[in-house]
Protein backbone atom coordinates (compact mmCIF):
# COMPACT_ATOMS: atom_id res chain seq x y z
CA MET A 1 -7.99 -54.68 2.15
CA LYS A 2 -9.63 -51.71 2.76
CA ARG A 3 -7.25 -49.91 4.66
CA LEU A 4 -4.15 -51.25 2.28
CA VAL A 5 -6.31 -49.11 -0.35
CA ILE A 6 -6.55 -45.83 1.48
CA GLY A 7 -3.26 -46.39 2.47
CA VAL A 8 -2.19 -46.67 -1.17
CA LEU A 9 -4.30 -43.72 -2.35
CA PHE A 10 -2.99 -41.46 0.53
CA ALA A 11 0.62 -42.14 -0.52
CA ALA A 12 0.04 -41.85 -4.14
CA ALA A 13 -1.72 -38.46 -3.49
CA SER A 14 0.94 -37.10 -1.28
CA GLY A 15 3.41 -37.62 -3.77
CA CYS A 16 1.34 -35.72 -6.29
CA THR A 17 1.50 -32.81 -4.27
CA ALA A 18 3.42 -29.68 -5.54
CA ARG A 19 6.54 -28.79 -3.44
CA GLN A 20 6.25 -25.68 -1.67
CA PRO A 21 9.79 -23.30 -2.33
CA ALA A 22 12.08 -22.86 0.60
CA ALA A 23 12.23 -19.80 2.44
CA ILE A 24 14.79 -17.35 1.17
CA ASP A 25 18.05 -16.92 2.73
CA ALA A 26 17.80 -14.62 5.84
CA GLY A 27 20.53 -11.99 4.36
CA ALA A 28 18.22 -12.08 1.09
CA ARG A 29 14.89 -11.01 3.31
CA ARG A 30 16.57 -8.56 5.38
CA ASP A 31 18.42 -6.77 2.48
CA ILE A 32 15.58 -7.24 0.21
CA ASP A 33 13.47 -5.52 2.88
CA ALA A 34 15.73 -3.04 3.58
CA GLY A 35 15.76 -2.12 -0.37
CA ASN A 36 12.01 -1.61 -0.48
CA GLN A 37 12.04 0.82 2.76
CA ALA A 38 14.69 2.65 0.60
CA TRP A 39 12.73 3.13 -2.37
CA ILE A 40 9.41 4.50 0.00
CA ASP A 41 11.82 6.62 2.24
CA GLY A 42 13.61 7.62 -0.92
CA MET A 43 9.80 8.55 -2.49
CA LYS A 44 9.46 10.46 0.42
CA SER A 45 12.20 12.74 1.13
CA GLY A 46 13.46 12.88 -2.68
CA ASP A 47 16.42 11.95 -1.71
CA MET A 48 17.43 8.89 -4.69
CA THR A 49 20.85 7.99 -3.13
CA ALA A 50 20.02 5.55 -0.90
CA VAL A 51 17.38 4.27 -3.43
CA ALA A 52 20.41 3.88 -6.27
CA ALA A 53 22.43 1.64 -3.36
CA THR A 54 20.28 -1.07 -3.75
CA TYR A 55 21.19 -1.55 -7.38
CA GLY A 56 24.04 -3.56 -8.29
CA ASP A 57 26.44 -1.64 -10.62
CA ASP A 58 25.18 -3.75 -13.57
CA ALA A 59 21.37 -3.46 -13.09
CA LEU A 60 18.96 -2.72 -15.35
CA ASP A 61 15.87 -1.12 -14.25
CA CYS A 62 12.84 -1.18 -17.10
CA GLY A 63 9.72 1.13 -16.74
CA PRO A 64 5.89 -0.33 -17.75
CA THR A 65 6.13 1.00 -21.46
CA GLY A 66 9.49 -1.02 -21.91
CA GLU A 67 12.35 1.70 -21.71
CA CYS A 68 14.96 0.86 -19.27
CA GLU A 69 18.02 2.33 -17.33
CA LYS A 70 21.15 0.57 -17.50
CA GLY A 71 23.92 0.70 -14.63
CA ARG A 72 23.40 2.47 -10.99
CA ALA A 73 24.40 5.73 -12.29
CA ALA A 74 22.06 6.08 -14.96
CA ILE A 75 19.46 4.62 -12.78
CA LYS A 76 19.98 7.28 -9.96
CA ALA A 77 19.51 10.04 -12.83
CA HIS A 78 16.50 8.60 -13.94
CA LEU A 79 15.22 8.51 -10.29
CA GLU A 80 16.09 11.97 -9.85
CA ALA A 81 14.61 13.12 -12.76
CA ARG A 82 11.39 11.53 -12.06
CA SER A 83 11.58 13.08 -8.39
CA GLY A 84 11.63 16.83 -9.75
CA MET A 85 8.84 16.17 -11.69
CA LEU A 86 6.86 14.85 -8.97
CA GLY A 87 8.18 16.33 -6.00
CA HIS A 88 8.31 13.93 -2.52
CA ALA A 89 5.57 11.62 -2.45
CA GLU A 90 2.93 12.00 0.66
CA SER A 91 2.92 8.24 1.30
CA GLY A 92 4.30 4.85 -0.61
CA SER A 93 4.36 1.41 0.02
CA VAL A 94 5.87 -1.77 -1.54
CA THR A 95 3.78 -5.29 -0.69
CA SER A 96 5.83 -8.20 -1.77
CA ALA A 97 3.56 -10.77 -3.40
CA GLY A 98 5.87 -13.19 -3.28
CA SER A 99 9.91 -14.68 -3.57
CA VAL A 100 11.79 -17.61 -4.73
CA GLN A 101 15.24 -18.45 -4.36
CA GLN A 102 17.00 -19.90 -7.17
CA GLY A 103 20.78 -20.06 -6.26
CA GLU A 104 22.67 -16.68 -6.48
CA PHE A 105 19.21 -14.87 -7.21
CA VAL A 106 15.73 -13.98 -5.44
CA TYR A 107 12.82 -13.10 -8.05
CA GLU A 108 10.70 -10.98 -6.05
CA TRP A 109 7.19 -9.85 -7.36
CA GLY A 110 4.12 -7.57 -5.53
CA GLN A 111 2.87 -3.89 -5.76
CA ALA A 112 4.34 -0.61 -4.94
CA THR A 113 2.36 2.50 -4.78
CA ALA A 114 3.55 6.17 -4.18
CA ALA A 115 1.15 9.26 -3.89
CA PHE A 116 2.20 12.83 -4.37
CA PRO A 117 0.51 16.31 -3.98
CA HIS A 118 -1.86 17.19 -6.52
CA GLY A 119 -3.25 13.67 -6.79
CA ARG A 120 -0.53 12.22 -8.69
CA GLU A 121 0.56 8.75 -8.20
CA ILE A 122 2.72 5.97 -9.32
CA SER A 123 1.51 2.49 -8.71
CA GLY A 124 2.13 -0.75 -10.34
CA ARG A 125 2.94 -4.26 -10.00
CA TYR A 126 6.57 -5.09 -10.14
CA LEU A 127 9.35 -8.13 -11.00
CA THR A 128 12.61 -7.72 -8.96
CA VAL A 129 16.18 -10.45 -9.56
CA TRP A 130 18.41 -9.73 -6.62
CA ARG A 131 21.65 -11.03 -6.75
CA ARG A 132 24.26 -11.82 -4.01
CA GLY A 133 27.18 -9.97 -4.47
CA PRO A 134 30.53 -11.35 -3.81
CA ASP A 135 30.13 -9.11 -0.45
CA GLY A 136 27.48 -11.23 0.63
CA ARG A 137 24.88 -8.16 -0.12
CA TRP A 138 21.82 -8.78 -2.15
CA LYS A 139 21.19 -5.79 -4.57
CA ILE A 140 18.69 -5.43 -7.33
CA PHE A 141 20.23 -7.00 -10.63
CA ARG A 142 16.85 -6.78 -12.89
CA ASN A 143 13.78 -4.66 -12.08
CA MET A 144 10.44 -4.52 -14.40
CA SER A 145 7.57 -2.56 -13.58
CA ILE A 146 4.70 -4.50 -15.30
CA PRO A 147 2.34 -2.72 -17.20
CA ALA A 148 -1.61 -2.91 -15.52
CA ASP A 149 -3.61 -5.43 -17.12
CA GLY A 150 -0.44 -6.28 -19.20
CA LYS A 151 -0.25 -3.39 -21.50
CA PRO A 152 1.83 -0.12 -21.06
């Protein structure tokens, strides 16, 4: 009888555990990693062409204060203007804290940092939605910088 009770409790407990999300599509992981590296390389070189190429034509890119750029061309112009003000980064990193796939979308979140001369730095958390395009490539559909401590 004791074994039966233990078995029932074990079965009930294992049924209550949350399911872990499945790994994201291998192609998505490859394109996301390449996109994050393109951001690092672009911050260091000042060439925003490869960074802008990671965005879809209809992408939306929003900064921590809520301002948004719509479309790849506008996003590229904004990135180039910021690069012109800050110069080339001495170092940069993107640390993905997690991602989950829902059909044709992957939601990725993490932390990005770029350090510039004279102690300037851009650093913050992000939430990016990647979408699989008709060609099978994953591009940024929506990108949002998350304000530190929830404040812009």
